[in-house]
N, C-alpha and C. Protein backbone atom coordinates (compact mmCIF):
# COMPACT_ATOMS: atom_id res chain seq x y z
N UNK A 1 10.84 -3.70 -13.18
CA UNK A 1 11.94 -2.83 -12.84
C UNK A 1 11.28 -1.66 -12.17
N UNK A 2 11.96 -1.25 -11.00
CA UNK A 2 11.42 -0.05 -10.30
C UNK A 2 12.48 1.00 -10.12
N UNK A 3 12.02 2.22 -10.11
CA UNK A 3 12.94 3.34 -9.72
C UNK A 3 12.09 4.11 -8.56
N UNK A 4 12.77 4.67 -7.63
CA UNK A 4 12.07 5.32 -6.52
C UNK A 4 12.37 6.85 -6.76
N UNK A 5 11.23 7.55 -6.68
CA UNK A 5 11.23 9.07 -6.69
C UNK A 5 10.93 9.68 -5.29
N UNK A 6 11.66 10.59 -4.83
CA UNK A 6 11.28 11.16 -3.49
C UNK A 6 11.20 12.67 -3.66
N UNK A 7 10.39 13.34 -2.78
CA UNK A 7 10.18 14.65 -2.70
C UNK A 7 10.35 15.17 -1.26
N UNK A 8 11.12 16.32 -1.17
CA UNK A 8 11.37 16.85 0.15
C UNK A 8 12.44 16.29 1.00
N UNK A 9 13.28 15.45 0.42
CA UNK A 9 14.32 14.76 1.13
C UNK A 9 15.52 15.85 1.07
N UNK A 10 16.09 16.15 2.27
CA UNK A 10 17.04 17.23 2.36
C UNK A 10 18.34 16.89 1.57
N UNK A 11 18.90 17.79 0.86
CA UNK A 11 20.06 17.53 -0.04
C UNK A 11 21.21 17.44 1.00
N UNK A 12 22.19 16.65 0.48
CA UNK A 12 23.53 16.45 1.20
C UNK A 12 23.47 15.47 2.20
N UNK A 13 22.29 14.77 2.45
CA UNK A 13 22.24 13.59 3.33
C UNK A 13 22.53 12.40 2.64
N UNK A 14 23.04 11.49 3.32
CA UNK A 14 23.25 10.05 2.69
C UNK A 14 22.06 9.15 3.30
N UNK A 15 21.60 8.23 2.38
CA UNK A 15 20.49 7.53 2.79
C UNK A 15 20.83 5.95 2.57
N UNK A 16 20.17 5.18 3.11
CA UNK A 16 20.22 3.72 2.98
C UNK A 16 18.74 3.27 2.36
N UNK A 17 18.85 2.32 1.44
CA UNK A 17 17.70 1.77 0.79
C UNK A 17 17.32 0.45 1.49
N UNK A 18 16.05 0.26 2.02
CA UNK A 18 15.57 -0.91 2.68
C UNK A 18 14.52 -1.61 1.80
N UNK A 19 14.41 -2.88 1.97
CA UNK A 19 13.32 -3.69 1.28
C UNK A 19 12.75 -4.61 2.37
N UNK A 20 11.48 -4.70 2.25
CA UNK A 20 10.68 -5.66 3.25
C UNK A 20 9.85 -6.59 2.57
N UNK A 21 10.44 -7.84 2.55
CA UNK A 21 9.75 -8.99 1.88
C UNK A 21 8.70 -9.56 2.83
N UNK A 22 7.61 -10.13 2.32
CA UNK A 22 6.59 -10.79 3.11
C UNK A 22 7.30 -12.00 3.90
N UNK A 23 7.00 -11.97 5.11
CA UNK A 23 7.41 -13.10 5.98
C UNK A 23 8.86 -12.98 6.48
N UNK A 24 9.47 -11.79 6.14
CA UNK A 24 11.03 -11.65 6.55
C UNK A 24 10.97 -10.31 7.36
N UNK A 25 12.06 -10.15 7.91
CA UNK A 25 12.47 -8.70 8.50
C UNK A 25 12.93 -7.93 7.48
N UNK A 26 12.70 -6.51 7.56
CA UNK A 26 13.29 -5.70 6.61
C UNK A 26 14.86 -5.76 6.54
N UNK A 27 15.31 -5.60 5.20
CA UNK A 27 16.77 -5.75 4.92
C UNK A 27 17.26 -4.50 4.26
N UNK A 28 18.55 -4.13 4.67
CA UNK A 28 19.14 -3.04 3.88
C UNK A 28 19.64 -3.55 2.51
N UNK A 29 19.28 -2.86 1.44
CA UNK A 29 19.64 -3.32 0.09
C UNK A 29 20.96 -2.56 -0.30
N UNK A 30 20.94 -1.31 0.00
CA UNK A 30 22.05 -0.48 -0.47
C UNK A 30 22.38 0.63 0.54
N UNK A 31 23.64 1.00 0.63
CA UNK A 31 24.03 2.01 1.44
C UNK A 31 24.59 3.24 0.65
N UNK A 32 24.43 4.39 1.12
CA UNK A 32 24.96 5.65 0.32
C UNK A 32 24.25 6.00 -0.87
N UNK A 33 22.93 5.90 -0.88
CA UNK A 33 22.21 6.39 -2.05
C UNK A 33 21.74 7.77 -1.78
N UNK A 34 21.37 8.48 -2.72
CA UNK A 34 20.94 9.98 -2.61
C UNK A 34 19.86 10.21 -3.63
N UNK A 35 19.44 11.41 -3.65
CA UNK A 35 18.45 11.80 -4.59
C UNK A 35 18.96 13.01 -5.57
N UNK A 36 18.76 12.84 -6.85
CA UNK A 36 19.32 13.80 -7.82
C UNK A 36 18.37 14.99 -7.80
N UNK A 37 18.52 15.99 -8.58
CA UNK A 37 17.66 17.22 -8.63
C UNK A 37 16.22 16.85 -9.09
N UNK A 38 16.03 15.73 -9.81
CA UNK A 38 14.62 15.41 -10.20
C UNK A 38 13.93 14.65 -9.23
N UNK A 39 14.59 14.29 -8.13
CA UNK A 39 14.06 13.49 -7.03
C UNK A 39 14.25 11.95 -7.31
N UNK A 40 14.94 11.53 -8.24
CA UNK A 40 15.30 10.24 -8.48
C UNK A 40 16.41 9.53 -7.58
N UNK A 41 16.05 8.43 -7.05
CA UNK A 41 17.10 7.80 -6.20
C UNK A 41 18.27 7.24 -7.06
N UNK A 42 19.47 7.79 -6.67
CA UNK A 42 20.64 7.42 -7.58
C UNK A 42 21.82 6.99 -6.67
N UNK A 43 22.83 6.40 -7.39
CA UNK A 43 24.14 6.27 -6.75
C UNK A 43 25.03 7.40 -7.47
N UNK A 44 25.35 8.42 -6.62
CA UNK A 44 26.00 9.69 -7.13
C UNK A 44 27.52 9.31 -7.52
N UNK A 45 28.15 8.41 -6.93
CA UNK A 45 29.46 8.18 -7.17
C UNK A 45 30.38 9.13 -6.28
N UNK A 46 29.81 9.97 -5.51
CA UNK A 46 30.65 10.87 -4.65
C UNK A 46 31.27 10.03 -3.51
N UNK A 47 32.39 10.48 -2.96
CA UNK A 47 33.05 9.76 -1.78
C UNK A 47 31.93 9.43 -0.72
N UNK A 48 32.13 8.28 -0.25
CA UNK A 48 31.18 7.78 0.88
C UNK A 48 29.74 7.32 0.33
N UNK A 49 29.43 7.49 -1.00
CA UNK A 49 28.20 7.13 -1.54
C UNK A 49 28.35 5.97 -2.41
N UNK A 50 27.26 5.24 -2.88
CA UNK A 50 27.38 4.18 -3.80
C UNK A 50 27.82 4.57 -5.10
N UNK A 51 28.36 3.71 -5.94
CA UNK A 51 28.74 4.06 -7.35
C UNK A 51 27.97 3.19 -8.32
N UNK A 52 27.49 3.81 -9.45
CA UNK A 52 26.92 3.06 -10.46
C UNK A 52 27.91 3.14 -11.70
N UNK A 53 27.51 2.77 -12.85
CA UNK A 53 28.23 2.75 -14.05
C UNK A 53 28.63 4.13 -14.58
N UNK A 54 27.81 5.15 -14.16
CA UNK A 54 28.07 6.54 -14.42
C UNK A 54 27.69 7.41 -13.21
N UNK A 55 28.17 8.65 -13.14
CA UNK A 55 27.71 9.57 -12.03
C UNK A 55 26.21 9.71 -11.96
N UNK A 56 25.61 9.75 -10.86
CA UNK A 56 24.14 9.90 -10.72
C UNK A 56 23.31 8.73 -11.47
N UNK A 57 23.88 7.56 -11.37
CA UNK A 57 23.20 6.40 -12.06
C UNK A 57 21.92 6.03 -11.28
N UNK A 58 20.86 5.88 -11.95
CA UNK A 58 19.52 5.59 -11.20
C UNK A 58 19.71 4.12 -10.59
N UNK A 59 18.98 4.15 -9.31
CA UNK A 59 19.05 2.77 -8.69
C UNK A 59 17.94 1.99 -9.35
N UNK A 60 18.12 1.01 -10.13
CA UNK A 60 17.09 0.14 -10.71
C UNK A 60 16.87 -1.13 -9.85
N UNK A 61 15.59 -1.28 -9.41
CA UNK A 61 15.32 -2.39 -8.66
C UNK A 61 14.49 -3.35 -9.40
N UNK A 62 14.95 -4.61 -9.58
CA UNK A 62 14.34 -5.62 -10.38
C UNK A 62 13.67 -6.52 -9.37
N UNK A 63 12.37 -6.88 -9.62
CA UNK A 63 11.74 -7.79 -8.70
C UNK A 63 10.60 -8.57 -9.28
N UNK A 64 10.29 -9.79 -8.80
CA UNK A 64 9.20 -10.51 -9.34
C UNK A 64 8.12 -10.36 -8.17
N UNK A 65 7.00 -10.71 -8.47
CA UNK A 65 5.79 -10.61 -7.53
C UNK A 65 4.78 -11.63 -7.75
N UNK A 66 4.20 -12.08 -6.60
CA UNK A 66 2.97 -12.94 -6.66
C UNK A 66 1.61 -11.92 -6.71
N UNK A 67 0.59 -12.56 -7.16
CA UNK A 67 -0.71 -11.69 -7.30
C UNK A 67 -1.04 -11.19 -5.77
N UNK A 68 -1.25 -9.89 -5.75
CA UNK A 68 -1.47 -9.29 -4.51
C UNK A 68 -0.34 -9.03 -3.57
N UNK A 69 0.95 -9.29 -4.03
CA UNK A 69 1.95 -9.17 -3.15
C UNK A 69 2.62 -7.65 -3.22
N UNK A 70 2.66 -7.10 -2.04
CA UNK A 70 3.24 -5.64 -2.14
C UNK A 70 4.85 -5.71 -2.13
N UNK A 71 5.43 -4.79 -2.72
CA UNK A 71 6.75 -4.51 -2.73
C UNK A 71 7.02 -3.24 -1.90
N UNK A 72 7.64 -3.39 -0.83
CA UNK A 72 7.81 -2.32 0.20
C UNK A 72 9.27 -1.81 0.32
N UNK A 73 9.43 -0.52 0.20
CA UNK A 73 10.84 0.02 0.30
C UNK A 73 10.82 1.20 1.32
N UNK A 74 12.04 1.42 1.75
CA UNK A 74 12.09 2.64 2.64
C UNK A 74 13.50 3.12 2.30
N UNK A 75 13.56 4.53 2.40
CA UNK A 75 14.80 5.26 2.24
C UNK A 75 14.98 5.99 3.61
N UNK A 76 16.02 5.66 4.33
CA UNK A 76 16.25 6.19 5.67
C UNK A 76 17.65 6.93 5.68
N UNK A 77 17.66 8.08 6.20
CA UNK A 77 19.00 8.80 6.20
C UNK A 77 19.88 8.07 7.21
N UNK A 78 21.16 8.09 7.08
CA UNK A 78 22.19 7.33 7.89
C UNK A 78 22.13 7.69 9.29
N UNK A 79 21.62 9.02 9.55
CA UNK A 79 21.55 9.39 10.98
C UNK A 79 20.24 9.12 11.48
N UNK A 80 19.25 8.57 10.71
CA UNK A 80 17.98 8.10 11.20
C UNK A 80 16.97 9.35 11.35
N UNK A 81 17.40 10.64 10.95
CA UNK A 81 16.49 11.67 11.12
C UNK A 81 15.37 11.80 10.05
N UNK A 82 15.62 11.23 8.90
CA UNK A 82 14.59 11.43 7.81
C UNK A 82 14.40 10.05 7.24
N UNK A 83 13.03 9.82 7.00
CA UNK A 83 12.73 8.53 6.31
C UNK A 83 11.47 8.66 5.42
N UNK A 84 11.42 7.84 4.35
CA UNK A 84 10.33 7.81 3.51
C UNK A 84 9.97 6.42 3.17
N UNK A 85 8.81 6.11 2.88
CA UNK A 85 8.34 4.65 2.68
C UNK A 85 7.56 4.63 1.35
N UNK A 86 7.55 3.49 0.61
CA UNK A 86 6.82 3.35 -0.53
C UNK A 86 6.24 1.87 -0.68
N UNK A 87 5.20 1.78 -1.28
CA UNK A 87 4.63 0.38 -1.50
C UNK A 87 4.01 0.40 -2.91
N UNK A 88 4.29 -0.72 -3.67
CA UNK A 88 3.74 -1.00 -4.89
C UNK A 88 3.22 -2.48 -4.97
N UNK A 89 2.00 -2.59 -5.74
CA UNK A 89 1.48 -3.90 -5.82
C UNK A 89 1.45 -4.16 -7.37
N UNK A 90 2.49 -4.85 -7.89
CA UNK A 90 2.56 -4.96 -9.43
C UNK A 90 1.50 -5.71 -9.91
N UNK A 91 0.93 -6.73 -9.23
CA UNK A 91 -0.08 -7.65 -9.87
C UNK A 91 -1.31 -7.56 -8.85
N UNK A 92 -2.07 -6.50 -8.83
CA UNK A 92 -3.17 -6.38 -7.82
C UNK A 92 -4.27 -7.38 -8.04
N UNK A 93 -4.83 -7.78 -6.94
CA UNK A 93 -6.04 -8.57 -6.84
C UNK A 93 -7.12 -7.52 -6.61
N UNK A 94 -7.89 -7.19 -7.66
CA UNK A 94 -8.86 -6.13 -7.46
C UNK A 94 -10.05 -6.17 -8.34
N UNK A 95 -11.09 -5.47 -8.08
CA UNK A 95 -12.28 -5.46 -8.83
C UNK A 95 -12.94 -4.04 -8.57
N UNK A 96 -13.81 -3.49 -9.51
CA UNK A 96 -14.45 -2.24 -9.19
C UNK A 96 -15.88 -2.33 -9.83
N UNK A 97 -16.74 -1.60 -9.33
CA UNK A 97 -18.06 -1.39 -9.81
C UNK A 97 -18.45 0.18 -9.60
N UNK A 98 -18.86 0.85 -10.60
CA UNK A 98 -19.19 2.29 -10.51
C UNK A 98 -17.75 2.89 -10.09
N UNK A 99 -17.99 3.64 -9.02
CA UNK A 99 -16.86 4.40 -8.52
C UNK A 99 -16.05 3.59 -7.41
N UNK A 100 -16.74 2.44 -6.97
CA UNK A 100 -16.24 1.68 -5.88
C UNK A 100 -15.07 0.73 -6.31
N UNK A 101 -14.14 0.38 -5.46
CA UNK A 101 -13.00 -0.45 -5.73
C UNK A 101 -12.56 -1.18 -4.65
N UNK A 102 -12.31 -2.47 -4.77
CA UNK A 102 -11.86 -3.34 -3.73
C UNK A 102 -10.53 -4.11 -4.11
N UNK A 103 -9.56 -4.02 -3.33
CA UNK A 103 -8.36 -4.71 -3.66
C UNK A 103 -7.81 -5.48 -2.46
N UNK A 104 -7.02 -6.51 -2.74
CA UNK A 104 -6.54 -7.45 -1.79
C UNK A 104 -5.04 -7.34 -1.78
N UNK A 105 -4.40 -7.20 -0.54
CA UNK A 105 -2.89 -7.05 -0.44
C UNK A 105 -2.44 -8.20 0.45
N UNK A 106 -1.57 -9.02 -0.04
CA UNK A 106 -1.15 -10.15 0.82
C UNK A 106 -0.30 -9.50 2.08
N UNK A 107 -0.57 -10.13 3.20
CA UNK A 107 0.26 -9.73 4.47
C UNK A 107 1.10 -10.89 4.90
N UNK A 108 0.93 -12.12 4.25
CA UNK A 108 1.70 -13.28 4.62
C UNK A 108 1.98 -13.91 3.42
N UNK A 109 3.08 -14.59 3.10
CA UNK A 109 3.59 -15.23 1.88
C UNK A 109 2.54 -16.06 1.12
N UNK A 110 1.73 -16.82 1.90
CA UNK A 110 0.74 -17.66 1.24
C UNK A 110 -0.69 -17.09 1.36
N UNK A 111 -0.79 -15.82 1.58
CA UNK A 111 -2.08 -15.14 1.66
C UNK A 111 -2.95 -15.76 2.76
N UNK A 112 -2.23 -16.09 3.92
CA UNK A 112 -3.20 -16.65 5.02
C UNK A 112 -3.74 -15.42 5.67
N UNK A 113 -3.11 -14.22 5.56
CA UNK A 113 -3.62 -13.02 6.13
C UNK A 113 -3.53 -12.07 5.00
N UNK A 114 -4.73 -11.28 4.78
CA UNK A 114 -4.70 -10.22 3.72
C UNK A 114 -5.17 -8.95 4.18
N UNK A 115 -5.06 -7.88 3.48
CA UNK A 115 -5.46 -6.58 3.94
C UNK A 115 -6.41 -6.24 2.69
N UNK A 116 -7.68 -5.95 3.12
CA UNK A 116 -8.72 -5.55 2.15
C UNK A 116 -8.72 -4.04 2.12
N UNK A 117 -8.73 -3.38 1.02
CA UNK A 117 -8.81 -1.93 0.83
C UNK A 117 -10.05 -1.65 -0.08
N UNK A 118 -10.89 -0.80 0.55
CA UNK A 118 -12.08 -0.41 -0.25
C UNK A 118 -12.00 1.05 -0.45
N UNK A 119 -12.47 1.52 -1.62
CA UNK A 119 -12.49 3.16 -1.89
C UNK A 119 -13.70 3.33 -2.69
N UNK A 120 -14.02 4.61 -2.72
CA UNK A 120 -15.12 5.10 -3.57
C UNK A 120 -16.52 5.05 -2.94
N UNK A 121 -16.66 4.54 -1.72
CA UNK A 121 -17.86 4.36 -0.95
C UNK A 121 -18.33 5.78 -0.32
N UNK A 122 -19.62 5.97 -0.13
CA UNK A 122 -19.99 7.28 0.65
C UNK A 122 -19.36 7.30 2.03
N UNK A 123 -19.03 8.58 2.39
CA UNK A 123 -18.43 8.73 3.63
C UNK A 123 -19.28 8.24 4.84
N UNK A 124 -18.73 7.59 5.86
CA UNK A 124 -19.47 7.12 6.99
C UNK A 124 -20.57 6.15 6.74
N UNK A 125 -20.55 5.48 5.52
CA UNK A 125 -21.54 4.47 5.22
C UNK A 125 -21.16 3.08 5.87
N UNK A 126 -22.19 2.56 6.47
CA UNK A 126 -21.96 1.11 7.02
C UNK A 126 -21.85 0.14 5.90
N UNK A 127 -20.90 -0.63 5.96
CA UNK A 127 -20.53 -1.65 4.91
C UNK A 127 -20.97 -3.02 5.37
N UNK A 128 -21.37 -3.79 4.35
CA UNK A 128 -21.52 -5.23 4.58
C UNK A 128 -20.39 -5.93 4.06
N UNK A 129 -19.63 -6.75 4.73
CA UNK A 129 -18.41 -7.49 4.25
C UNK A 129 -18.81 -8.95 4.48
N UNK A 130 -18.85 -9.78 3.37
CA UNK A 130 -19.29 -11.10 3.51
C UNK A 130 -18.20 -11.99 2.65
N UNK A 131 -18.02 -13.23 3.01
CA UNK A 131 -17.23 -14.10 2.33
C UNK A 131 -16.92 -15.30 3.06
N UNK A 132 -16.03 -16.21 2.57
CA UNK A 132 -15.62 -17.32 3.27
C UNK A 132 -14.22 -17.11 3.76
N UNK A 133 -14.14 -16.39 4.95
CA UNK A 133 -12.81 -16.14 5.63
C UNK A 133 -13.14 -16.33 7.10
N UNK A 134 -12.09 -16.38 7.93
CA UNK A 134 -12.35 -16.73 9.42
C UNK A 134 -13.18 -15.70 10.05
N UNK A 135 -14.27 -16.13 10.63
CA UNK A 135 -15.27 -15.36 11.10
C UNK A 135 -14.76 -14.41 12.32
N UNK A 136 -13.73 -15.02 12.96
CA UNK A 136 -13.07 -14.25 14.08
C UNK A 136 -12.40 -12.91 13.55
N UNK A 137 -11.97 -13.04 12.22
CA UNK A 137 -11.23 -11.86 11.68
C UNK A 137 -12.19 -10.86 11.15
N UNK A 138 -13.51 -11.13 11.22
CA UNK A 138 -14.46 -10.10 10.70
C UNK A 138 -14.46 -8.90 11.58
N UNK A 139 -14.29 -7.66 11.05
CA UNK A 139 -14.52 -6.52 11.88
C UNK A 139 -15.91 -6.13 12.28
N UNK A 140 -16.11 -5.73 13.41
CA UNK A 140 -17.59 -5.29 13.79
C UNK A 140 -17.97 -3.98 13.27
N UNK A 141 -19.04 -3.94 12.70
CA UNK A 141 -19.62 -2.72 12.18
C UNK A 141 -18.63 -1.94 11.25
N UNK A 142 -18.17 -2.51 10.15
CA UNK A 142 -17.20 -1.76 9.21
C UNK A 142 -17.93 -0.48 8.85
N UNK A 143 -17.28 0.63 8.86
CA UNK A 143 -17.75 1.90 8.41
C UNK A 143 -16.83 2.58 7.65
N UNK A 144 -17.20 3.20 6.56
CA UNK A 144 -16.23 4.00 5.53
C UNK A 144 -15.82 5.18 6.24
N UNK A 145 -14.61 5.61 6.12
CA UNK A 145 -13.95 6.86 6.76
C UNK A 145 -14.49 7.98 5.96
N UNK A 146 -14.09 9.18 6.40
CA UNK A 146 -14.57 10.46 5.78
C UNK A 146 -14.04 10.70 4.38
N UNK A 147 -12.95 9.93 4.04
CA UNK A 147 -12.40 10.14 2.72
C UNK A 147 -13.00 9.07 1.84
N UNK A 148 -13.90 8.22 2.13
CA UNK A 148 -14.55 7.24 1.33
C UNK A 148 -13.79 5.84 1.17
N UNK A 149 -12.88 5.69 2.14
CA UNK A 149 -12.17 4.47 2.13
C UNK A 149 -12.34 3.59 3.39
N UNK A 150 -12.08 2.44 3.40
CA UNK A 150 -12.06 1.50 4.41
C UNK A 150 -11.08 0.40 4.20
N UNK A 151 -10.58 -0.15 5.32
CA UNK A 151 -9.58 -1.25 5.17
C UNK A 151 -9.70 -2.09 6.36
N UNK A 152 -9.38 -3.40 6.25
CA UNK A 152 -9.46 -4.40 7.25
C UNK A 152 -8.52 -5.52 7.03
N UNK A 153 -8.01 -6.22 8.02
CA UNK A 153 -7.21 -7.41 7.94
C UNK A 153 -8.15 -8.57 8.24
N UNK A 154 -7.84 -9.59 7.37
CA UNK A 154 -8.57 -10.82 7.38
C UNK A 154 -7.64 -12.03 7.32
N UNK A 155 -8.02 -13.18 8.08
CA UNK A 155 -7.33 -14.37 7.92
C UNK A 155 -8.18 -15.26 7.02
N UNK A 156 -7.47 -15.95 5.98
CA UNK A 156 -8.12 -16.66 4.99
C UNK A 156 -8.07 -18.21 5.31
N UNK A 157 -7.16 -18.57 5.99
CA UNK A 157 -6.82 -20.07 6.28
C UNK A 157 -8.00 -20.76 6.91
N UNK A 158 -8.41 -21.83 6.35
CA UNK A 158 -9.53 -22.73 6.92
C UNK A 158 -8.79 -23.74 7.71
N UNK A 159 -9.14 -24.07 8.91
CA UNK A 159 -8.54 -25.10 9.65
C UNK A 159 -8.72 -26.50 9.00
N UNK A 160 -7.58 -27.11 9.01
CA UNK A 160 -7.54 -28.51 8.30
C UNK A 160 -7.27 -28.47 6.87
N UNK A 161 -7.21 -27.32 6.32
CA UNK A 161 -6.92 -27.19 4.87
C UNK A 161 -5.59 -26.42 4.61
N UNK A 162 -4.82 -26.89 3.53
CA UNK A 162 -3.65 -26.38 3.22
C UNK A 162 -3.72 -25.33 2.03
N UNK A 163 -4.91 -25.18 1.47
CA UNK A 163 -5.05 -24.21 0.43
C UNK A 163 -6.60 -24.11 0.10
N UNK A 164 -6.97 -23.01 -0.66
CA UNK A 164 -8.28 -22.81 -0.96
C UNK A 164 -8.36 -21.49 -1.77
N UNK A 165 -9.69 -21.26 -1.92
CA UNK A 165 -10.12 -20.00 -2.64
C UNK A 165 -10.88 -19.20 -1.72
N UNK A 166 -10.70 -17.94 -1.57
CA UNK A 166 -11.37 -17.00 -0.68
C UNK A 166 -12.13 -16.06 -1.57
N UNK A 167 -13.42 -15.88 -1.29
CA UNK A 167 -14.41 -15.09 -1.98
C UNK A 167 -14.83 -13.92 -0.98
N UNK A 168 -14.76 -12.71 -1.35
CA UNK A 168 -15.06 -11.58 -0.41
C UNK A 168 -15.89 -10.62 -1.23
N UNK A 169 -16.95 -10.18 -0.51
CA UNK A 169 -17.79 -9.17 -1.18
C UNK A 169 -18.01 -7.92 -0.06
N UNK A 170 -17.78 -6.70 -0.70
CA UNK A 170 -18.00 -5.55 0.13
C UNK A 170 -19.11 -4.75 -0.53
N UNK A 171 -20.17 -4.49 0.16
CA UNK A 171 -21.27 -3.80 -0.37
C UNK A 171 -21.76 -2.57 0.52
N UNK A 172 -22.22 -1.50 -0.19
CA UNK A 172 -22.61 -0.35 0.69
C UNK A 172 -22.72 0.73 -0.36
N UNK A 173 -23.53 1.69 -0.08
CA UNK A 173 -23.79 3.02 -0.92
C UNK A 173 -24.06 2.69 -2.38
N UNK A 174 -24.83 1.56 -2.67
CA UNK A 174 -25.17 1.32 -4.01
C UNK A 174 -24.05 0.51 -4.73
N UNK A 175 -23.07 0.17 -4.20
CA UNK A 175 -21.98 -0.65 -4.87
C UNK A 175 -21.91 -1.98 -4.05
N UNK A 176 -21.58 -2.97 -4.92
CA UNK A 176 -21.25 -4.33 -4.41
C UNK A 176 -20.05 -4.79 -5.17
N UNK A 177 -18.89 -4.93 -4.58
CA UNK A 177 -17.65 -5.37 -5.27
C UNK A 177 -17.15 -6.59 -4.69
N UNK A 178 -16.89 -7.70 -5.50
CA UNK A 178 -16.36 -8.95 -5.13
C UNK A 178 -15.02 -9.31 -5.76
N UNK A 179 -14.33 -9.95 -4.94
CA UNK A 179 -12.98 -10.52 -5.46
C UNK A 179 -12.85 -11.94 -5.05
N UNK A 180 -12.05 -12.74 -5.72
CA UNK A 180 -11.73 -14.14 -5.39
C UNK A 180 -10.16 -14.25 -5.65
N UNK A 181 -9.65 -15.02 -4.74
CA UNK A 181 -8.22 -15.24 -4.86
C UNK A 181 -7.78 -16.52 -4.04
N UNK A 182 -6.61 -17.08 -4.49
CA UNK A 182 -6.20 -18.33 -3.85
C UNK A 182 -5.28 -17.95 -2.69
N UNK A 183 -5.33 -18.86 -1.57
CA UNK A 183 -4.52 -18.81 -0.55
C UNK A 183 -3.88 -20.19 -0.34
N UNK A 184 -2.80 -20.12 0.43
CA UNK A 184 -2.09 -21.50 0.86
C UNK A 184 -1.09 -22.03 -0.35
N UNK A 185 -0.90 -23.29 -0.27
CA UNK A 185 0.01 -23.83 -1.12
C UNK A 185 -0.47 -23.60 -2.68
N UNK A 186 0.33 -23.28 -3.43
CA UNK A 186 0.01 -22.96 -4.92
C UNK A 186 -0.42 -21.55 -5.10
N UNK A 187 -0.69 -20.80 -4.06
CA UNK A 187 -1.17 -19.43 -4.47
C UNK A 187 -0.03 -18.41 -4.67
N UNK A 188 1.19 -18.94 -4.45
CA UNK A 188 2.35 -17.92 -4.60
C UNK A 188 3.06 -18.05 -6.00
N UNK A 189 2.41 -18.37 -7.06
CA UNK A 189 3.06 -18.31 -8.37
C UNK A 189 3.49 -17.05 -8.67
N UNK A 190 4.78 -16.93 -9.13
CA UNK A 190 5.35 -15.65 -9.45
C UNK A 190 4.81 -15.12 -10.72
N UNK A 191 4.50 -13.92 -10.75
CA UNK A 191 4.05 -13.23 -12.05
C UNK A 191 5.07 -12.69 -12.95
């Protein structure tokens, strides 16, 4: 169950709540939502806005997820002038060593494409990224940004196979973090 909190959204504007499921186009979930004084997304019950069981009823979003699947939401004013976006990964695929962390976020329903996110590495450090993924998707000279993070898109699908296990290791700055995950058929078990 999810609730959305927002900061800095102008009062008096009406908003629409959007959801973006992997492999699909973004879809509008609700019209006429607003933020209460705490910043909680609610159905106020005011004219022209959504109604809940009580005034300022919290918008409760119930969702299931696969390992590494992001839940992506957007709140957009009806006039399109204000927007905010949020992402949560309820069941992350991740590992850590010392201060370094590596996580995998699905970008396709069967994890044929994934986003690797690494953090905690020394700024501007050259990284070694190894594993069994498509060689063409390997970034050239991956380097940590000034804030100690790096991310890259990878294709996991092996030609001629319908499923498999991908192993990825990111090393640099005294850290070596590895993750393994399933892709293809059977990788999408709901958590």
